[in-house]
PDB file of all heavy atoms in Angstrom:
ATOM      1  N   ARG A   1     -43.744  27.324 110.583  1.00  0.00           N
ATOM      2  CA  ARG A   1     -42.687  26.448 111.082  1.00  0.00           C
ATOM      3  C   ARG A   1     -41.753  27.253 111.977  1.00  0.00           C
ATOM      4  O   ARG A   1     -41.511  28.426 111.725  1.00  0.00           O
ATOM      5  CB  ARG A   1     -41.848  25.906 109.928  1.00  0.00           C
ATOM      6  CG  ARG A   1     -42.518  24.872 109.107  1.00  0.00           C
ATOM      7  CD  ARG A   1     -41.550  24.430 108.063  1.00  0.00           C
ATOM      8  NE  ARG A   1     -42.035  23.259 107.380  1.00  0.00           N
ATOM      9  CZ  ARG A   1     -41.304  22.530 106.569  1.00  0.00           C
ATOM     10  NH1 ARG A   1     -40.069  22.869 106.302  1.00  0.00           N
ATOM     11  NH2 ARG A   1     -41.817  21.472 105.988  1.00  0.00           N
ATOM     12  N   PRO A   2     -41.174  26.620 112.994  1.00  0.00           N
ATOM     13  CA  PRO A   2     -40.197  27.341 113.823  1.00  0.00           C
ATOM     14  C   PRO A   2     -38.940  27.637 113.001  1.00  0.00           C
ATOM     15  O   PRO A   2     -38.545  26.858 112.150  1.00  0.00           O
ATOM     16  CB  PRO A   2     -39.900  26.375 114.964  1.00  0.00           C
ATOM     17  CG  PRO A   2     -40.347  25.053 114.488  1.00  0.00           C
ATOM     18  CD  PRO A   2     -41.413  25.280 113.456  1.00  0.00           C
ATOM     19  N   VAL A   3     -38.348  28.771 113.256  1.00  0.00           N
ATOM     20  CA  VAL A   3     -37.131  29.159 112.547  1.00  0.00           C
ATOM     21  C   VAL A   3     -35.964  28.357 113.118  1.00  0.00           C
ATOM     22  O   VAL A   3     -35.747  28.337 114.330  1.00  0.00           O
ATOM     23  CB  VAL A   3     -36.871  30.666 112.708  1.00  0.00           C
ATOM     24  CG1 VAL A   3     -35.574  31.055 112.042  1.00  0.00           C
ATOM     25  CG2 VAL A   3     -38.034  31.457 112.153  1.00  0.00           C
ATOM     26  N   PRO A   4     -35.202  27.664 112.250  1.00  0.00           N
ATOM     27  CA  PRO A   4     -34.068  26.890 112.757  1.00  0.00           C
ATOM     28  C   PRO A   4     -32.983  27.811 113.314  1.00  0.00           C
ATOM     29  O   PRO A   4     -32.805  28.922 112.845  1.00  0.00           O
ATOM     30  CB  PRO A   4     -33.554  26.137 111.532  1.00  0.00           C
ATOM     31  CG  PRO A   4     -34.341  26.574 110.380  1.00  0.00           C
ATOM     32  CD  PRO A   4     -35.391  27.531 110.829  1.00  0.00           C
ATOM     33  N   THR A   5     -32.272  27.336 114.297  1.00  0.00           N
ATOM     34  CA  THR A   5     -31.212  28.131 114.896  1.00  0.00           C
ATOM     35  C   THR A   5     -29.842  27.722 114.385  1.00  0.00           C
ATOM     36  O   THR A   5     -28.833  28.202 114.873  1.00  0.00           O
ATOM     37  CB  THR A   5     -31.240  27.995 116.429  1.00  0.00           C
ATOM     38  OG1 THR A   5     -31.127  26.613 116.763  1.00  0.00           O
ATOM     39  CG2 THR A   5     -32.510  28.569 117.009  1.00  0.00           C
ATOM     40  N   VAL A   6     -29.797  26.864 113.407  1.00  0.00           N
ATOM     41  CA  VAL A   6     -28.541  26.400 112.840  1.00  0.00           C
ATOM     42  C   VAL A   6     -27.974  27.465 111.895  1.00  0.00           C
ATOM     43  O   VAL A   6     -28.716  28.215 111.272  1.00  0.00           O
ATOM     44  CB  VAL A   6     -28.749  25.039 112.126  1.00  0.00           C
ATOM     45  CG1 VAL A   6     -29.589  25.208 110.881  1.00  0.00           C
ATOM     46  CG2 VAL A   6     -27.431  24.404 111.795  1.00  0.00           C
ATOM     47  N   THR A   7     -26.657  27.520 111.810  1.00  0.00           N
ATOM     48  CA  THR A   7     -26.005  28.493 110.936  1.00  0.00           C
ATOM     49  C   THR A   7     -25.389  27.779 109.728  1.00  0.00           C
ATOM     50  O   THR A   7     -25.108  26.568 109.795  1.00  0.00           O
ATOM     51  CB  THR A   7     -24.877  29.231 111.678  1.00  0.00           C
ATOM     52  OG1 THR A   7     -23.857  28.286 112.017  1.00  0.00           O
ATOM     53  CG2 THR A   7     -25.394  29.926 112.921  1.00  0.00           C
ATOM     54  N   PRO A   8     -25.150  28.501 108.640  1.00  0.00           N
ATOM     55  CA  PRO A   8     -24.495  27.890 107.484  1.00  0.00           C
ATOM     56  C   PRO A   8     -23.138  27.277 107.843  1.00  0.00           C
ATOM     57  O   PRO A   8     -22.797  26.195 107.358  1.00  0.00           O
ATOM     58  CB  PRO A   8     -24.334  29.050 106.499  1.00  0.00           C
ATOM     59  CG  PRO A   8     -25.444  29.983 106.845  1.00  0.00           C
ATOM     60  CD  PRO A   8     -25.575  29.878 108.341  1.00  0.00           C
ATOM     61  N   ASP A   9     -22.377  27.935 108.708  1.00  0.00           N
ATOM     62  CA  ASP A   9     -21.067  27.400 109.091  1.00  0.00           C
ATOM     63  C   ASP A   9     -21.185  26.095 109.877  1.00  0.00           C
ATOM     64  O   ASP A   9     -20.376  25.187 109.718  1.00  0.00           O
ATOM     65  CB  ASP A   9     -20.279  28.434 109.901  1.00  0.00           C
ATOM     66  CG  ASP A   9     -19.843  29.611 109.050  1.00  0.00           C
ATOM     67  OD1 ASP A   9     -19.671  29.437 107.817  1.00  0.00           O
ATOM     68  OD2 ASP A   9     -19.679  30.706 109.604  1.00  0.00           O
ATOM     69  N   ALA A  10     -22.207  25.992 110.726  1.00  0.00           N
ATOM     70  CA  ALA A  10     -22.415  24.754 111.483  1.00  0.00           C
ATOM     71  C   ALA A  10     -22.800  23.606 110.558  1.00  0.00           C
ATOM     72  O   ALA A  10     -22.324  22.479 110.715  1.00  0.00           O
ATOM     73  CB  ALA A  10     -23.492  24.961 112.545  1.00  0.00           C
ATOM     74  N   VAL A  11     -23.648  23.879 109.574  1.00  0.00           N
ATOM     75  CA  VAL A  11     -24.036  22.844 108.615  1.00  0.00           C
ATOM     76  C   VAL A  11     -22.832  22.439 107.775  1.00  0.00           C
ATOM     77  O   VAL A  11     -22.601  21.262 107.515  1.00  0.00           O
ATOM     78  CB  VAL A  11     -25.198  23.330 107.709  1.00  0.00           C
ATOM     79  CG1 VAL A  11     -25.526  22.300 106.649  1.00  0.00           C
ATOM     80  CG2 VAL A  11     -26.423  23.637 108.557  1.00  0.00           C
ATOM     81  N   PHE A  12     -22.036  23.424 107.355  1.00  0.00           N
ATOM     82  CA  PHE A  12     -20.822  23.140 106.583  1.00  0.00           C
ATOM     83  C   PHE A  12     -19.903  22.209 107.367  1.00  0.00           C
ATOM     84  O   PHE A  12     -19.404  21.215 106.827  1.00  0.00           O
ATOM     85  CB  PHE A  12     -20.111  24.448 106.221  1.00  0.00           C
ATOM     86  CG  PHE A  12     -18.811  24.261 105.501  1.00  0.00           C
ATOM     87  CD1 PHE A  12     -18.792  23.817 104.187  1.00  0.00           C
ATOM     88  CD2 PHE A  12     -17.610  24.532 106.127  1.00  0.00           C
ATOM     89  CE1 PHE A  12     -17.597  23.648 103.516  1.00  0.00           C
ATOM     90  CE2 PHE A  12     -16.406  24.369 105.462  1.00  0.00           C
ATOM     91  CZ  PHE A  12     -16.404  23.925 104.149  1.00  0.00           C
ATOM     92  N   ALA A  13     -19.696  22.498 108.636  1.00  0.00           N
ATOM     93  CA  ALA A  13     -18.838  21.651 109.475  1.00  0.00           C
ATOM     94  C   ALA A  13     -19.409  20.239 109.595  1.00  0.00           C
ATOM     95  O   ALA A  13     -18.663  19.258 109.537  1.00  0.00           O
ATOM     96  CB  ALA A  13     -18.666  22.283 110.849  1.00  0.00           C
ATOM     97  N   ALA A  14     -20.715  20.133 109.756  1.00  0.00           N
ATOM     98  CA  ALA A  14     -21.350  18.807 109.855  1.00  0.00           C
ATOM     99  C   ALA A  14     -21.203  18.035 108.546  1.00  0.00           C
ATOM    100  O   ALA A  14     -20.958  16.828 108.551  1.00  0.00           O
ATOM    101  CB  ALA A  14     -22.824  18.958 110.225  1.00  0.00           C
ATOM    102  N   LEU A  15     -21.343  18.730 107.430  1.00  0.00           N
ATOM    103  CA  LEU A  15     -21.183  18.068 106.132  1.00  0.00           C
ATOM    104  C   LEU A  15     -19.734  17.644 105.913  1.00  0.00           C
ATOM    105  O   LEU A  15     -19.476  16.604 105.307  1.00  0.00           O
ATOM    106  CB  LEU A  15     -21.633  18.982 104.994  1.00  0.00           C
ATOM    107  CG  LEU A  15     -23.140  19.145 104.829  1.00  0.00           C
ATOM    108  CD1 LEU A  15     -23.438  20.200 103.770  1.00  0.00           C
ATOM    109  CD2 LEU A  15     -23.788  17.823 104.449  1.00  0.00           C
ATOM    110  N   ARG A  16     -18.787  18.444 106.378  1.00  0.00           N
ATOM    111  CA  ARG A  16     -17.372  18.076 106.240  1.00  0.00           C
ATOM    112  C   ARG A  16     -17.091  16.775 106.991  1.00  0.00           C
ATOM    113  O   ARG A  16     -16.256  15.988 106.574  1.00  0.00           O
ATOM    114  CB  ARG A  16     -16.464  19.179 106.777  1.00  0.00           C
ATOM    115  CG  ARG A  16     -16.508  20.474 106.036  1.00  0.00           C
ATOM    116  CD  ARG A  16     -15.693  20.521 104.806  1.00  0.00           C
ATOM    117  NE  ARG A  16     -14.289  20.321 105.059  1.00  0.00           N
ATOM    118  CZ  ARG A  16     -13.407  20.234 104.086  1.00  0.00           C
ATOM    119  NH1 ARG A  16     -13.772  20.358 102.850  1.00  0.00           N
ATOM    120  NH2 ARG A  16     -12.145  20.026 104.351  1.00  0.00           N
ATOM    121  N   ALA A  17     -17.795  16.557 108.099  1.00  0.00           N
ATOM    122  CA  ALA A  17     -17.587  15.364 108.912  1.00  0.00           C
ATOM    123  C   ALA A  17     -18.377  14.157 108.405  1.00  0.00           C
ATOM    124  O   ALA A  17     -18.081  13.023 108.766  1.00  0.00           O
ATOM    125  CB  ALA A  17     -17.973  15.652 110.356  1.00  0.00           C
ATOM    126  N   ALA A  18     -19.386  14.402 107.564  1.00  0.00           N
ATOM    127  CA  ALA A  18     -20.257  13.322 107.094  1.00  0.00           C
ATOM    128  C   ALA A  18     -19.636  12.588 105.900  1.00  0.00           C
ATOM    129  O   ALA A  18     -18.820  13.143 105.172  1.00  0.00           O
ATOM    130  CB  ALA A  18     -21.610  13.905 106.679  1.00  0.00           C
ATOM    131  N   ALA A  19     -20.050  11.345 105.732  1.00  0.00           N
ATOM    132  CA  ALA A  19     -19.648  10.563 104.562  1.00  0.00           C
ATOM    133  C   ALA A  19     -20.644  10.860 103.448  1.00  0.00           C
ATOM    134  O   ALA A  19     -21.789  10.432 103.507  1.00  0.00           O
ATOM    135  CB  ALA A  19     -19.646   9.083 104.896  1.00  0.00           C
ATOM    136  N   LEU A  20     -20.211  11.630 102.448  1.00  0.00           N
ATOM    137  CA  LEU A  20     -21.092  12.034 101.357  1.00  0.00           C
ATOM    138  C   LEU A  20     -20.709  11.354 100.057  1.00  0.00           C
ATOM    139  O   LEU A  20     -19.548  11.004  99.845  1.00  0.00           O
ATOM    140  CB  LEU A  20     -20.990  13.547 101.139  1.00  0.00           C
ATOM    141  CG  LEU A  20     -21.286  14.461 102.317  1.00  0.00           C
ATOM    142  CD1 LEU A  20     -21.003  15.904 101.926  1.00  0.00           C
ATOM    143  CD2 LEU A  20     -22.719  14.298 102.746  1.00  0.00           C
ATOM    144  N   THR A  21     -21.699  11.185  99.199  1.00  0.00           N
ATOM    145  CA  THR A  21     -21.434  10.763  97.826  1.00  0.00           C
ATOM    146  C   THR A  21     -22.240  11.667  96.902  1.00  0.00           C
ATOM    147  O   THR A  21     -23.288  12.185  97.274  1.00  0.00           O
ATOM    148  CB  THR A  21     -21.828   9.298  97.560  1.00  0.00           C
ATOM    149  OG1 THR A  21     -23.209   9.129  97.816  1.00  0.00           O
ATOM    150  CG2 THR A  21     -21.017   8.333  98.405  1.00  0.00           C
ATOM    151  N   LEU A  22     -21.723  11.856  95.715  1.00  0.00           N
ATOM    152  CA  LEU A  22     -22.393  12.639  94.694  1.00  0.00           C
ATOM    153  C   LEU A  22     -22.385  11.788  93.440  1.00  0.00           C
ATOM    154  O   LEU A  22     -21.316  11.467  92.914  1.00  0.00           O
ATOM    155  CB  LEU A  22     -21.657  13.957  94.484  1.00  0.00           C
ATOM    156  CG  LEU A  22     -22.324  15.017  93.642  1.00  0.00           C
ATOM    157  CD1 LEU A  22     -23.688  15.415  94.214  1.00  0.00           C
ATOM    158  CD2 LEU A  22     -21.445  16.247  93.554  1.00  0.00           C
ATOM    159  N   ASP A  23     -23.558  11.352  93.015  1.00  0.00           N
ATOM    160  CA  ASP A  23     -23.678  10.424  91.886  1.00  0.00           C
ATOM    161  C   ASP A  23     -22.853   9.159  92.118  1.00  0.00           C
ATOM    162  O   ASP A  23     -22.212   8.638  91.210  1.00  0.00           O
ATOM    163  CB  ASP A  23     -23.271  11.095  90.580  1.00  0.00           C
ATOM    164  CG  ASP A  23     -24.201  12.230  90.209  1.00  0.00           C
ATOM    165  OD1 ASP A  23     -25.398  12.156  90.554  1.00  0.00           O
ATOM    166  OD2 ASP A  23     -23.733  13.195  89.587  1.00  0.00           O
ATOM    167  N   GLY A  24     -22.824   8.692  93.358  1.00  0.00           N
ATOM    168  CA  GLY A  24     -22.127   7.456  93.697  1.00  0.00           C
ATOM    169  C   GLY A  24     -20.628   7.599  93.896  1.00  0.00           C
ATOM    170  O   GLY A  24     -19.945   6.619  94.163  1.00  0.00           O
ATOM    171  N   VAL A  25     -20.089   8.802  93.786  1.00  0.00           N
ATOM    172  CA  VAL A  25     -18.656   9.044  93.942  1.00  0.00           C
ATOM    173  C   VAL A  25     -18.434   9.749  95.283  1.00  0.00           C
ATOM    174  O   VAL A  25     -19.178  10.674  95.621  1.00  0.00           O
ATOM    175  CB  VAL A  25     -18.130   9.931  92.782  1.00  0.00           C
ATOM    176  CG1 VAL A  25     -16.649  10.226  92.942  1.00  0.00           C
ATOM    177  CG2 VAL A  25     -18.405   9.273  91.438  1.00  0.00           C
ATOM    178  N   PRO A  26     -17.436   9.333  96.063  1.00  0.00           N
ATOM    179  CA  PRO A  26     -17.172  10.009  97.329  1.00  0.00           C
ATOM    180  C   PRO A  26     -17.015  11.519  97.120  1.00  0.00           C
ATOM    181  O   PRO A  26     -16.394  11.967  96.164  1.00  0.00           O
ATOM    182  CB  PRO A  26     -15.856   9.386  97.808  1.00  0.00           C
ATOM    183  CG  PRO A  26     -15.825   8.047  97.147  1.00  0.00           C
ATOM    184  CD  PRO A  26     -16.493   8.237  95.812  1.00  0.00           C
ATOM    185  N   ALA A  27     -17.612  12.292  98.034  1.00  0.00           N
ATOM    186  CA  ALA A  27     -17.614  13.749  97.889  1.00  0.00           C
ATOM    187  C   ALA A  27     -17.441  14.402  99.252  1.00  0.00           C
ATOM    188  O   ALA A  27     -17.507  13.733 100.284  1.00  0.00           O
ATOM    189  CB  ALA A  27     -18.920  14.203  97.243  1.00  0.00           C
ATOM    190  N   CYS A  28     -17.208  15.713  99.236  1.00  0.00           N
ATOM    191  CA  CYS A  28     -17.095  16.459 100.488  1.00  0.00           C
ATOM    192  C   CYS A  28     -17.580  17.887 100.273  1.00  0.00           C
ATOM    193  O   CYS A  28     -17.617  18.391  99.154  1.00  0.00           O
ATOM    194  CB  CYS A  28     -15.663  16.456 101.002  1.00  0.00           C
ATOM    195  SG  CYS A  28     -14.498  17.249  99.903  1.00  0.00           S
ATOM    196  N   ALA A  29     -17.978  18.508 101.366  1.00  0.00           N
ATOM    197  CA  ALA A  29     -18.362  19.918 101.320  1.00  0.00           C
ATOM    198  C   ALA A  29     -17.084  20.724 101.147  1.00  0.00           C
ATOM    199  O   ALA A  29     -16.097  20.489 101.842  1.00  0.00           O
ATOM    200  CB  ALA A  29     -19.083  20.309 102.598  1.00  0.00           C
ATOM    201  N   THR A  30     -17.101  21.676 100.206  1.00  0.00           N
ATOM    202  CA  THR A  30     -15.870  22.409  99.903  1.00  0.00           C
ATOM    203  C   THR A  30     -15.909  23.876 100.301  1.00  0.00           C
ATOM    204  O   THR A  30     -14.877  24.452 100.591  1.00  0.00           O
ATOM    205  CB  THR A  30     -15.534  22.323  98.407  1.00  0.00           C
ATOM    206  OG1 THR A  30     -16.616  22.860  97.652  1.00  0.00           O
ATOM    207  CG2 THR A  30     -15.270  20.886  97.992  1.00  0.00           C
ATOM    208  N   SER A  31     -17.091  24.497 100.294  1.00  0.00           N
ATOM    209  CA  SER A  31     -17.147  25.923 100.628  1.00  0.00           C
ATOM    210  C   SER A  31     -18.582  26.364 100.886  1.00  0.00           C
ATOM    211  O   SER A  31     -19.532  25.652 100.568  1.00  0.00           O
ATOM    212  CB  SER A  31     -16.548  26.762  99.504  1.00  0.00           C
ATOM    213  OG  SER A  31     -17.301  26.609  98.321  1.00  0.00           O
ATOM    214  N   VAL A  32     -18.703  27.549 101.457  1.00  0.00           N
ATOM    215  CA  VAL A  32     -19.991  28.219 101.626  1.00  0.00           C
ATOM    216  C   VAL A  32     -19.971  29.434 100.708  1.00  0.00           C
ATOM    217  O   VAL A  32     -19.023  30.222 100.746  1.00  0.00           O
ATOM    218  CB  VAL A  32     -20.210  28.670 103.087  1.00  0.00           C
ATOM    219  CG1 VAL A  32     -21.527  29.416 103.236  1.00  0.00           C
ATOM    220  CG2 VAL A  32     -20.172  27.475 104.026  1.00  0.00           C
ATOM    221  N   THR A  33     -20.983  29.562  99.850  1.00  0.00           N
ATOM    222  CA  THR A  33     -21.044  30.704  98.943  1.00  0.00           C
ATOM    223  C   THR A  33     -22.260  31.553  99.272  1.00  0.00           C
ATOM    224  O   THR A  33     -23.287  31.035  99.720  1.00  0.00           O
ATOM    225  CB  THR A  33     -21.118  30.256  97.470  1.00  0.00           C
ATOM    226  OG1 THR A  33     -22.277  29.466  97.272  1.00  0.00           O
ATOM    227  CG2 THR A  33     -19.894  29.457  97.081  1.00  0.00           C
ATOM    228  N   GLU A  34     -22.143  32.824  99.052  1.00  0.00           N
ATOM    229  CA  GLU A  34     -23.218  33.787  99.304  1.00  0.00           C
ATOM    230  C   GLU A  34     -23.755  33.704 100.735  1.00  0.00           C
ATOM    231  O   GLU A  34     -24.879  34.107 101.014  1.00  0.00           O
ATOM    232  CB  GLU A  34     -24.357  33.619  98.302  1.00  0.00           C
ATOM    233  CG  GLU A  34     -23.957  33.882  96.864  1.00  0.00           C
ATOM    234  CD  GLU A  34     -25.107  33.699  95.893  1.00  0.00           C
ATOM    235  OE1 GLU A  34     -26.266  33.938  96.283  1.00  0.00           O
ATOM    236  OE2 GLU A  34     -24.839  33.313  94.764  1.00  0.00           O
ATOM    237  N   GLY A  35     -22.984  33.109 101.620  1.00  0.00           N
ATOM    238  CA  GLY A  35     -23.376  33.023 103.013  1.00  0.00           C
ATOM    239  C   GLY A  35     -24.485  32.042 103.314  1.00  0.00           C
ATOM    240  O   GLY A  35     -24.926  31.928 104.447  1.00  0.00           O
ATOM    241  N   ARG A  36     -24.944  31.306 102.297  1.00  0.00           N
ATOM    242  CA  ARG A  36     -26.048  30.378 102.566  1.00  0.00           C
ATOM    243  C   ARG A  36     -26.045  29.111 101.720  1.00  0.00           C
ATOM    244  O   ARG A  36     -26.804  28.193 101.989  1.00  0.00           O
ATOM    245  CB  ARG A  36     -27.371  31.102 102.408  1.00  0.00           C
ATOM    246  CG  ARG A  36     -27.628  31.589 101.013  1.00  0.00           C
ATOM    247  CD  ARG A  36     -28.970  32.259 100.899  1.00  0.00           C
ATOM    248  NE  ARG A  36     -29.135  32.695  99.530  1.00  0.00           N
ATOM    249  CZ  ARG A  36     -29.338  33.943  99.159  1.00  0.00           C
ATOM    250  NH1 ARG A  36     -29.424  34.881 100.053  1.00  0.00           N
ATOM    251  NH2 ARG A  36     -29.471  34.235  97.899  1.00  0.00           N
ATOM    252  N   PHE A  37     -25.221  29.031 100.698  1.00  0.00           N
ATOM    253  CA  PHE A  37     -25.160  27.832  99.859  1.00  0.00           C
ATOM    254  C   PHE A  37     -23.871  27.077 100.137  1.00  0.00           C
ATOM    255  O   PHE A  37     -22.806  27.674 100.258  1.00  0.00           O
ATOM    256  CB  PHE A  37     -25.229  28.195  98.369  1.00  0.00           C
ATOM    257  CG  PHE A  37     -26.532  28.804  97.971  1.00  0.00           C
ATOM    258  CD1 PHE A  37     -26.644  30.166  97.780  1.00  0.00           C
ATOM    259  CD2 PHE A  37     -27.661  28.021  97.808  1.00  0.00           C
ATOM    260  CE1 PHE A  37     -27.848  30.745  97.428  1.00  0.00           C
ATOM    261  CE2 PHE A  37     -28.871  28.586  97.468  1.00  0.00           C
ATOM    262  CZ  PHE A  37     -28.967  29.952  97.276  1.00  0.00           C
ATOM    263  N   ILE A  38     -23.996  25.755 100.227  1.00  0.00           N
ATOM    264  CA  ILE A  38     -22.839  24.904 100.485  1.00  0.00           C
ATOM    265  C   ILE A  38     -22.526  24.144  99.205  1.00  0.00           C
ATOM    266  O   ILE A  38     -23.401  23.499  98.627  1.00  0.00           O
ATOM    267  CB  ILE A  38     -23.111  23.939 101.648  1.00  0.00           C
ATOM    268  CG1 ILE A  38     -23.372  24.752 102.920  1.00  0.00           C
ATOM    269  CG2 ILE A  38     -21.949  22.972 101.834  1.00  0.00           C
ATOM    270  CD1 ILE A  38     -23.847  23.955 104.088  1.00  0.00           C
ATOM    271  N   VAL A  39     -21.273  24.242  98.778  1.00  0.00           N
ATOM    272  CA  VAL A  39     -20.829  23.551  97.575  1.00  0.00           C
ATOM    273  C   VAL A  39     -20.290  22.190  97.984  1.00  0.00           C
ATOM    274  O   VAL A  39     -19.472  22.079  98.894  1.00  0.00           O
ATOM    275  CB  VAL A  39     -19.739  24.360  96.838  1.00  0.00           C
ATOM    276  CG1 VAL A  39     -19.242  23.600  95.617  1.00  0.00           C
ATOM    277  CG2 VAL A  39     -20.270  25.732  96.452  1.00  0.00           C
ATOM    278  N   ILE A  40     -20.772  21.168  97.288  1.00  0.00           N
ATOM    279  CA  ILE A  40     -20.324  19.798  97.516  1.00  0.00           C
ATOM    280  C   ILE A  40     -19.703  19.325  96.212  1.00  0.00           C
ATOM    281  O   ILE A  40     -20.307  19.468  95.148  1.00  0.00           O
ATOM    282  CB  ILE A  40     -21.498  18.896  97.920  1.00  0.00           C
ATOM    283  CG1 ILE A  40     -22.084  19.413  99.233  1.00  0.00           C
ATOM    284  CG2 ILE A  40     -21.053  17.442  98.054  1.00  0.00           C
ATOM    285  CD1 ILE A  40     -23.409  18.818  99.583  1.00  0.00           C
ATOM    286  N   ALA A  41     -18.490  18.787  96.281  1.00  0.00           N
ATOM    287  CA  ALA A  41     -17.792  18.335  95.073  1.00  0.00           C
ATOM    288  C   ALA A  41     -17.225  16.943  95.296  1.00  0.00           C
ATOM    289  O   ALA A  41     -16.929  16.554  96.434  1.00  0.00           O
ATOM    290  CB  ALA A  41     -16.666  19.301  94.715  1.00  0.00           C
ATOM    291  N   THR A  42     -17.058  16.228  94.203  1.00  0.00           N
ATOM    292  CA  THR A  42     -16.493  14.886  94.305  1.00  0.00           C
ATOM    293  C   THR A  42     -15.036  14.979  94.730  1.00  0.00           C
ATOM    294  O   THR A  42     -14.332  15.930  94.391  1.00  0.00           O
ATOM    295  CB  THR A  42     -16.605  14.127  92.971  1.00  0.00           C
ATOM    296  OG1 THR A  42     -15.991  14.895  91.932  1.00  0.00           O
ATOM    297  CG2 THR A  42     -18.045  13.839  92.619  1.00  0.00           C
TER     298      THR A  42
END
């Protein structure tokens, strides 16, 4: 597969702008951990 050129910070920003839910409850991206994991919380 081609290697994506997206960065964790770019995905974090996109998630912050997106309408997210977690188990049916409104949620948002809160942080990037270990430089590659995005935490999403209600």
